[in-house]
PDB file of all heavy atoms in Angstrom:
ATOM      1  N   MET A   1    -128.102  93.605 162.608  1.00  0.00           N
ATOM      2  CA  MET A   1    -127.049  93.461 163.599  1.00  0.00           C
ATOM      3  C   MET A   1    -127.019  94.618 164.573  1.00  0.00           C
ATOM      4  O   MET A   1    -126.804  94.421 165.739  1.00  0.00           O
ATOM      5  CB  MET A   1    -125.696  93.347 162.913  1.00  0.00           C
ATOM      6  CG  MET A   1    -125.447  92.026 162.289  1.00  0.00           C
ATOM      7  SD  MET A   1    -125.244  90.844 163.623  1.00  0.00           S
ATOM      8  CE  MET A   1    -124.686  89.493 162.722  1.00  0.00           C
ATOM      9  N   SER A   2    -127.246  95.846 164.080  1.00  0.00           N
ATOM     10  CA  SER A   2    -127.174  96.980 164.986  1.00  0.00           C
ATOM     11  C   SER A   2    -128.299  96.952 166.034  1.00  0.00           C
ATOM     12  O   SER A   2    -128.125  97.392 167.152  1.00  0.00           O
ATOM     13  CB  SER A   2    -127.187  98.310 164.228  1.00  0.00           C
ATOM     14  OG  SER A   2    -128.412  98.456 163.530  1.00  0.00           O
ATOM     15  N   ALA A   3    -129.479  96.401 165.670  1.00  0.00           N
ATOM     16  CA  ALA A   3    -130.566  96.303 166.641  1.00  0.00           C
ATOM     17  C   ALA A   3    -130.205  95.316 167.753  1.00  0.00           C
ATOM     18  O   ALA A   3    -130.468  95.539 168.914  1.00  0.00           O
ATOM     19  CB  ALA A   3    -131.853  95.841 165.954  1.00  0.00           C
ATOM     20  N   VAL A   4    -129.528  94.208 167.390  1.00  0.00           N
ATOM     21  CA  VAL A   4    -129.097  93.241 168.392  1.00  0.00           C
ATOM     22  C   VAL A   4    -128.064  93.883 169.306  1.00  0.00           C
ATOM     23  O   VAL A   4    -128.108  93.728 170.522  1.00  0.00           O
ATOM     24  CB  VAL A   4    -128.518  91.964 167.704  1.00  0.00           C
ATOM     25  CG1 VAL A   4    -127.875  91.065 168.730  1.00  0.00           C
ATOM     26  CG2 VAL A   4    -129.603  91.255 166.941  1.00  0.00           C
ATOM     27  N   GLY A   5    -127.129  94.627 168.758  1.00  0.00           N
ATOM     28  CA  GLY A   5    -126.125  95.315 169.553  1.00  0.00           C
ATOM     29  C   GLY A   5    -126.763  96.334 170.500  1.00  0.00           C
ATOM     30  O   GLY A   5    -126.358  96.464 171.636  1.00  0.00           O
ATOM     31  N   ALA A   6    -127.790  97.021 170.022  1.00  0.00           N
ATOM     32  CA  ALA A   6    -128.456  98.010 170.870  1.00  0.00           C
ATOM     33  C   ALA A   6    -129.170  97.328 172.040  1.00  0.00           C
ATOM     34  O   ALA A   6    -129.124  97.798 173.169  1.00  0.00           O
ATOM     35  CB  ALA A   6    -129.455  98.815 170.046  1.00  0.00           C
ATOM     36  N   VAL A   7    -129.829  96.188 171.763  1.00  0.00           N
ATOM     37  CA  VAL A   7    -130.517  95.456 172.834  1.00  0.00           C
ATOM     38  C   VAL A   7    -129.502  94.937 173.846  1.00  0.00           C
ATOM     39  O   VAL A   7    -129.703  95.031 175.045  1.00  0.00           O
ATOM     40  CB  VAL A   7    -131.358  94.290 172.260  1.00  0.00           C
ATOM     41  CG1 VAL A   7    -131.880  93.401 173.365  1.00  0.00           C
ATOM     42  CG2 VAL A   7    -132.502  94.837 171.437  1.00  0.00           C
ATOM     43  N   ALA A   8    -128.387  94.402 173.376  1.00  0.00           N
ATOM     44  CA  ALA A   8    -127.345  93.911 174.302  1.00  0.00           C
ATOM     45  C   ALA A   8    -126.820  95.051 175.157  1.00  0.00           C
ATOM     46  O   ALA A   8    -126.579  94.899 176.345  1.00  0.00           O
ATOM     47  CB  ALA A   8    -126.201  93.260 173.511  1.00  0.00           C
ATOM     48  N   GLY A   9    -126.635  96.232 174.550  1.00  0.00           N
ATOM     49  CA  GLY A   9    -126.153  97.388 175.308  1.00  0.00           C
ATOM     50  C   GLY A   9    -127.140  97.817 176.392  1.00  0.00           C
ATOM     51  O   GLY A   9    -126.775  98.174 177.489  1.00  0.00           O
ATOM     52  N   LEU A  10    -128.436  97.743 176.073  1.00  0.00           N
ATOM     53  CA  LEU A  10    -129.458  98.072 177.053  1.00  0.00           C
ATOM     54  C   LEU A  10    -129.444  97.091 178.219  1.00  0.00           C
ATOM     55  O   LEU A  10    -129.592  97.465 179.368  1.00  0.00           O
ATOM     56  CB  LEU A  10    -130.847  98.090 176.412  1.00  0.00           C
ATOM     57  CG  LEU A  10    -131.127  99.263 175.465  1.00  0.00           C
ATOM     58  CD1 LEU A  10    -132.478  99.068 174.801  1.00  0.00           C
ATOM     59  CD2 LEU A  10    -131.096 100.583 176.221  1.00  0.00           C
ATOM     60  N   THR A  11    -129.243  95.823 177.919  1.00  0.00           N
ATOM     61  CA  THR A  11    -129.207  94.820 178.969  1.00  0.00           C
ATOM     62  C   THR A  11    -128.034  95.064 179.897  1.00  0.00           C
ATOM     63  O   THR A  11    -128.186  95.007 181.122  1.00  0.00           O
ATOM     64  CB  THR A  11    -129.101  93.393 178.362  1.00  0.00           C
ATOM     65  OG1 THR A  11    -130.217  93.211 177.499  1.00  0.00           O
ATOM     66  CG2 THR A  11    -129.091  92.334 179.424  1.00  0.00           C
ATOM     67  N   LEU A  12    -126.874  95.376 179.360  1.00  0.00           N
ATOM     68  CA  LEU A  12    -125.713  95.666 180.184  1.00  0.00           C
ATOM     69  C   LEU A  12    -125.925  96.915 181.023  1.00  0.00           C
ATOM     70  O   LEU A  12    -125.596  96.952 182.196  1.00  0.00           O
ATOM     71  CB  LEU A  12    -124.460  95.812 179.320  1.00  0.00           C
ATOM     72  CG  LEU A  12    -123.945  94.528 178.681  1.00  0.00           C
ATOM     73  CD1 LEU A  12    -122.794  94.854 177.732  1.00  0.00           C
ATOM     74  CD2 LEU A  12    -123.508  93.532 179.735  1.00  0.00           C
ATOM     75  N   ALA A  13    -126.504  97.928 180.436  1.00  0.00           N
ATOM     76  CA  ALA A  13    -126.740  99.180 181.176  1.00  0.00           C
ATOM     77  C   ALA A  13    -127.706  98.949 182.334  1.00  0.00           C
ATOM     78  O   ALA A  13    -127.530  99.477 183.417  1.00  0.00           O
ATOM     79  CB  ALA A  13    -127.271 100.264 180.255  1.00  0.00           C
ATOM     80  N   ALA A  14    -128.729  98.128 182.127  1.00  0.00           N
ATOM     81  CA  ALA A  14    -129.710  97.877 183.183  1.00  0.00           C
ATOM     82  C   ALA A  14    -129.093  97.109 184.348  1.00  0.00           C
ATOM     83  O   ALA A  14    -129.546  97.225 185.466  1.00  0.00           O
ATOM     84  CB  ALA A  14    -130.895  97.098 182.617  1.00  0.00           C
ATOM     85  N   ALA A  15    -128.036  96.359 184.095  1.00  0.00           N
ATOM     86  CA  ALA A  15    -127.419  95.567 185.147  1.00  0.00           C
ATOM     87  C   ALA A  15    -126.412  96.360 185.962  1.00  0.00           C
ATOM     88  O   ALA A  15    -125.948  95.899 186.991  1.00  0.00           O
ATOM     89  CB  ALA A  15    -126.741  94.337 184.538  1.00  0.00           C
ATOM     90  N   SER A  16    -126.064  97.553 185.518  1.00  0.00           N
ATOM     91  CA  SER A  16    -125.038  98.342 186.218  1.00  0.00           C
ATOM     92  C   SER A  16    -125.607  98.915 187.516  1.00  0.00           C
ATOM     93  O   SER A  16    -126.788  99.173 187.619  1.00  0.00           O
ATOM     94  CB  SER A  16    -124.516  99.447 185.316  1.00  0.00           C
ATOM     95  OG  SER A  16    -125.518 100.427 185.164  1.00  0.00           O
ATOM     96  N   PRO A  17    -124.756  99.157 188.513  1.00  0.00           N
ATOM     97  CA  PRO A  17    -125.236  99.750 189.766  1.00  0.00           C
ATOM     98  C   PRO A  17    -125.900 101.104 189.573  1.00  0.00           C
ATOM     99  O   PRO A  17    -126.790 101.459 190.324  1.00  0.00           O
ATOM    100  CB  PRO A  17    -123.958  99.869 190.616  1.00  0.00           C
ATOM    101  CG  PRO A  17    -123.061  98.809 190.090  1.00  0.00           C
ATOM    102  CD  PRO A  17    -123.374  98.738 188.606  1.00  0.00           C
ATOM    103  N   ALA A  18    -125.496 101.861 188.555  1.00  0.00           N
ATOM    104  CA  ALA A  18    -126.098 103.165 188.327  1.00  0.00           C
ATOM    105  C   ALA A  18    -127.559 103.016 188.003  1.00  0.00           C
ATOM    106  O   ALA A  18    -128.358 103.919 188.213  1.00  0.00           O
ATOM    107  CB  ALA A  18    -125.364 103.892 187.193  1.00  0.00           C
ATOM    108  N   ALA A  19    -127.987 101.866 187.470  1.00  0.00           N
ATOM    109  CA  ALA A  19    -129.374 101.618 187.117  1.00  0.00           C
ATOM    110  C   ALA A  19    -130.066 100.827 188.215  1.00  0.00           C
ATOM    111  O   ALA A  19    -131.116 100.236 187.978  1.00  0.00           O
ATOM    112  CB  ALA A  19    -129.439 100.873 185.791  1.00  0.00           C
ATOM    113  N   ALA A  20    -129.512 100.812 189.389  1.00  0.00           N
ATOM    114  CA  ALA A  20    -130.078 100.025 190.500  1.00  0.00           C
ATOM    115  C   ALA A  20    -131.457 100.543 190.867  1.00  0.00           C
ATOM    116  O   ALA A  20    -131.830 101.657 190.578  1.00  0.00           O
ATOM    117  CB  ALA A  20    -129.132 100.105 191.701  1.00  0.00           C
ATOM    118  N   ALA A  21    -132.197  99.685 191.536  1.00  0.00           N
ATOM    119  CA  ALA A  21    -133.527 100.015 192.004  1.00  0.00           C
ATOM    120  C   ALA A  21    -133.495 101.201 192.957  1.00  0.00           C
ATOM    121  O   ALA A  21    -132.457 101.540 193.519  1.00  0.00           O
ATOM    122  CB  ALA A  21    -134.139  98.814 192.683  1.00  0.00           C
ATOM    123  N   SER A  22    -134.631 101.784 193.178  1.00  0.00           N
ATOM    124  CA  SER A  22    -134.756 102.874 194.131  1.00  0.00           C
ATOM    125  C   SER A  22    -135.146 102.275 195.489  1.00  0.00           C
ATOM    126  O   SER A  22    -135.977 101.376 195.558  1.00  0.00           O
ATOM    127  CB  SER A  22    -135.837 103.828 193.624  1.00  0.00           C
ATOM    128  OG  SER A  22    -135.989 104.898 194.527  1.00  0.00           O
ATOM    129  N   TYR A  23    -134.540 102.780 196.550  1.00  0.00           N
ATOM    130  CA  TYR A  23    -134.775 102.264 197.898  1.00  0.00           C
ATOM    131  C   TYR A  23    -135.290 103.343 198.810  1.00  0.00           C
ATOM    132  O   TYR A  23    -135.001 104.522 198.626  1.00  0.00           O
ATOM    133  CB  TYR A  23    -133.469 101.695 198.473  1.00  0.00           C
ATOM    134  CG  TYR A  23    -132.950 100.518 197.705  1.00  0.00           C
ATOM    135  CD1 TYR A  23    -132.012 100.678 196.688  1.00  0.00           C
ATOM    136  CD2 TYR A  23    -133.416  99.233 197.968  1.00  0.00           C
ATOM    137  CE1 TYR A  23    -131.533  99.589 195.971  1.00  0.00           C
ATOM    138  CE2 TYR A  23    -132.954  98.140 197.250  1.00  0.00           C
ATOM    139  CZ  TYR A  23    -132.018  98.332 196.265  1.00  0.00           C
ATOM    140  OH  TYR A  23    -131.562  97.248 195.532  1.00  0.00           O
ATOM    141  N   SER A  24    -136.065 102.918 199.792  1.00  0.00           N
ATOM    142  CA  SER A  24    -136.521 103.829 200.840  1.00  0.00           C
ATOM    143  C   SER A  24    -136.189 103.201 202.184  1.00  0.00           C
ATOM    144  O   SER A  24    -135.985 101.979 202.290  1.00  0.00           O
ATOM    145  CB  SER A  24    -138.022 104.107 200.712  1.00  0.00           C
ATOM    146  OG  SER A  24    -138.757 102.915 200.806  1.00  0.00           O
ATOM    147  N   PHE A  25    -136.128 104.036 203.206  1.00  0.00           N
ATOM    148  CA  PHE A  25    -135.711 103.598 204.543  1.00  0.00           C
ATOM    149  C   PHE A  25    -136.768 104.065 205.543  1.00  0.00           C
ATOM    150  O   PHE A  25    -137.043 105.271 205.633  1.00  0.00           O
ATOM    151  CB  PHE A  25    -134.344 104.192 204.857  1.00  0.00           C
ATOM    152  CG  PHE A  25    -133.315 103.848 203.828  1.00  0.00           C
ATOM    153  CD1 PHE A  25    -133.104 104.692 202.731  1.00  0.00           C
ATOM    154  CD2 PHE A  25    -132.577 102.681 203.897  1.00  0.00           C
ATOM    155  CE1 PHE A  25    -132.150 104.375 201.761  1.00  0.00           C
ATOM    156  CE2 PHE A  25    -131.621 102.361 202.936  1.00  0.00           C
ATOM    157  CZ  PHE A  25    -131.414 103.195 201.861  1.00  0.00           C
ATOM    158  N   GLN A  26    -137.349 103.120 206.257  1.00  0.00           N
ATOM    159  CA  GLN A  26    -138.454 103.437 207.163  1.00  0.00           C
ATOM    160  C   GLN A  26    -138.069 103.119 208.604  1.00  0.00           C
ATOM    161  O   GLN A  26    -137.950 101.947 208.966  1.00  0.00           O
ATOM    162  CB  GLN A  26    -139.687 102.633 206.747  1.00  0.00           C
ATOM    163  CG  GLN A  26    -140.869 102.845 207.637  1.00  0.00           C
ATOM    164  CD  GLN A  26    -142.041 101.963 207.229  1.00  0.00           C
ATOM    165  OE1 GLN A  26    -142.044 101.345 206.190  1.00  0.00           O
ATOM    166  NE2 GLN A  26    -143.045 101.915 208.078  1.00  0.00           N
ATOM    167  N   PRO A  27    -137.901 104.143 209.444  1.00  0.00           N
ATOM    168  CA  PRO A  27    -137.546 103.879 210.846  1.00  0.00           C
ATOM    169  C   PRO A  27    -138.762 103.473 211.664  1.00  0.00           C
ATOM    170  O   PRO A  27    -139.876 103.904 211.412  1.00  0.00           O
ATOM    171  CB  PRO A  27    -136.989 105.221 211.313  1.00  0.00           C
ATOM    172  CG  PRO A  27    -137.695 106.218 210.455  1.00  0.00           C
ATOM    173  CD  PRO A  27    -137.918 105.560 209.123  1.00  0.00           C
ATOM    174  N   THR A  28    -138.528 102.579 212.635  1.00  0.00           N
ATOM    175  CA  THR A  28    -139.515 102.235 213.630  1.00  0.00           C
ATOM    176  C   THR A  28    -138.817 102.276 214.976  1.00  0.00           C
ATOM    177  O   THR A  28    -137.593 102.103 215.052  1.00  0.00           O
ATOM    178  CB  THR A  28    -140.104 100.820 213.406  1.00  0.00           C
ATOM    179  OG1 THR A  28    -139.063  99.865 213.501  1.00  0.00           O
ATOM    180  CG2 THR A  28    -140.764 100.706 212.030  1.00  0.00           C
ATOM    181  N   TRP A  29    -139.556 102.517 216.022  1.00  0.00           N
ATOM    182  CA  TRP A  29    -138.961 102.701 217.347  1.00  0.00           C
ATOM    183  C   TRP A  29    -139.564 101.737 218.366  1.00  0.00           C
ATOM    184  O   TRP A  29    -140.394 102.139 219.177  1.00  0.00           O
ATOM    185  CB  TRP A  29    -139.111 104.134 217.838  1.00  0.00           C
ATOM    186  CG  TRP A  29    -138.289 105.092 217.052  1.00  0.00           C
ATOM    187  CD1 TRP A  29    -137.012 105.462 217.293  1.00  0.00           C
ATOM    188  CD2 TRP A  29    -138.685 105.812 215.878  1.00  0.00           C
ATOM    189  NE1 TRP A  29    -136.571 106.359 216.353  1.00  0.00           N
ATOM    190  CE2 TRP A  29    -137.579 106.593 215.476  1.00  0.00           C
ATOM    191  CE3 TRP A  29    -139.854 105.877 215.132  1.00  0.00           C
ATOM    192  CZ2 TRP A  29    -137.621 107.414 214.355  1.00  0.00           C
ATOM    193  CZ3 TRP A  29    -139.882 106.697 214.024  1.00  0.00           C
ATOM    194  CH2 TRP A  29    -138.786 107.452 213.643  1.00  0.00           C
ATOM    195  N   PRO A  30    -139.148 100.488 218.390  1.00  0.00           N
ATOM    196  CA  PRO A  30    -139.596  99.607 219.480  1.00  0.00           C
ATOM    197  C   PRO A  30    -138.990 100.102 220.805  1.00  0.00           C
ATOM    198  O   PRO A  30    -138.061 100.915 220.799  1.00  0.00           O
ATOM    199  CB  PRO A  30    -139.043  98.239 219.109  1.00  0.00           C
ATOM    200  CG  PRO A  30    -138.031  98.473 218.076  1.00  0.00           C
ATOM    201  CD  PRO A  30    -138.263  99.816 217.453  1.00  0.00           C
ATOM    202  N   SER A  31    -139.494  99.626 221.914  1.00  0.00           N
ATOM    203  CA  SER A  31    -139.043 100.129 223.223  1.00  0.00           C
ATOM    204  C   SER A  31    -137.568  99.907 223.492  1.00  0.00           C
ATOM    205  O   SER A  31    -136.965 100.633 224.264  1.00  0.00           O
ATOM    206  CB  SER A  31    -139.886  99.492 224.340  1.00  0.00           C
ATOM    207  OG  SER A  31    -139.682  98.094 224.332  1.00  0.00           O
ATOM    208  N   TRP A  32    -136.953  98.920 222.875  1.00  0.00           N
ATOM    209  CA  TRP A  32    -135.556  98.581 223.156  1.00  0.00           C
ATOM    210  C   TRP A  32    -134.554  99.209 222.220  1.00  0.00           C
ATOM    211  O   TRP A  32    -133.373  98.969 222.325  1.00  0.00           O
ATOM    212  CB  TRP A  32    -135.363  97.058 223.152  1.00  0.00           C
ATOM    213  CG  TRP A  32    -136.109  96.374 222.048  1.00  0.00           C
ATOM    214  CD1 TRP A  32    -137.291  95.695 222.136  1.00  0.00           C
ATOM    215  CD2 TRP A  32    -135.758  96.320 220.664  1.00  0.00           C
ATOM    216  NE1 TRP A  32    -137.682  95.231 220.913  1.00  0.00           N
ATOM    217  CE2 TRP A  32    -136.764  95.593 219.985  1.00  0.00           C
ATOM    218  CE3 TRP A  32    -134.679  96.814 219.933  1.00  0.00           C
ATOM    219  CZ2 TRP A  32    -136.707  95.350 218.621  1.00  0.00           C
ATOM    220  CZ3 TRP A  32    -134.636  96.561 218.567  1.00  0.00           C
ATOM    221  CH2 TRP A  32    -135.652  95.835 217.946  1.00  0.00           C
ATOM    222  N   GLY A  33    -135.002 100.003 221.237  1.00  0.00           N
ATOM    223  CA  GLY A  33    -134.019 100.614 220.322  1.00  0.00           C
ATOM    224  C   GLY A  33    -134.670 101.147 219.085  1.00  0.00           C
ATOM    225  O   GLY A  33    -135.650 101.856 219.140  1.00  0.00           O
ATOM    226  N   GLN A  34    -134.100 100.792 217.936  1.00  0.00           N
ATOM    227  CA  GLN A  34    -134.613 101.268 216.658  1.00  0.00           C
ATOM    228  C   GLN A  34    -134.350 100.251 215.562  1.00  0.00           C
ATOM    229  O   GLN A  34    -133.300  99.607 215.547  1.00  0.00           O
ATOM    230  CB  GLN A  34    -133.967 102.599 216.282  1.00  0.00           C
ATOM    231  CG  GLN A  34    -134.558 103.218 215.040  1.00  0.00           C
ATOM    232  CD  GLN A  34    -134.141 104.649 214.862  1.00  0.00           C
ATOM    233  OE1 GLN A  34    -133.092 105.080 215.329  1.00  0.00           O
ATOM    234  NE2 GLN A  34    -134.968 105.428 214.185  1.00  0.00           N
ATOM    235  N   ILE A  35    -135.310 100.131 214.649  1.00  0.00           N
ATOM    236  CA  ILE A  35    -135.151  99.318 213.443  1.00  0.00           C
ATOM    237  C   ILE A  35    -135.383 100.242 212.263  1.00  0.00           C
ATOM    238  O   ILE A  35    -136.312 101.047 212.277  1.00  0.00           O
ATOM    239  CB  ILE A  35    -136.136  98.148 213.403  1.00  0.00           C
ATOM    240  CG1 ILE A  35    -135.803  97.128 214.514  1.00  0.00           C
ATOM    241  CG2 ILE A  35    -136.145  97.475 212.034  1.00  0.00           C
ATOM    242  CD1 ILE A  35    -136.721  95.949 214.579  1.00  0.00           C
TER     243      ILE A  35
END
């Protein structure tokens, strides 16, 4: 039972925003502005 509880806890932790994916931001400069 404790192994099942541990797995369930890991699943919940992975779904939290704190465990969110890592993001990067790449600017581009077309002639009319910026993306």
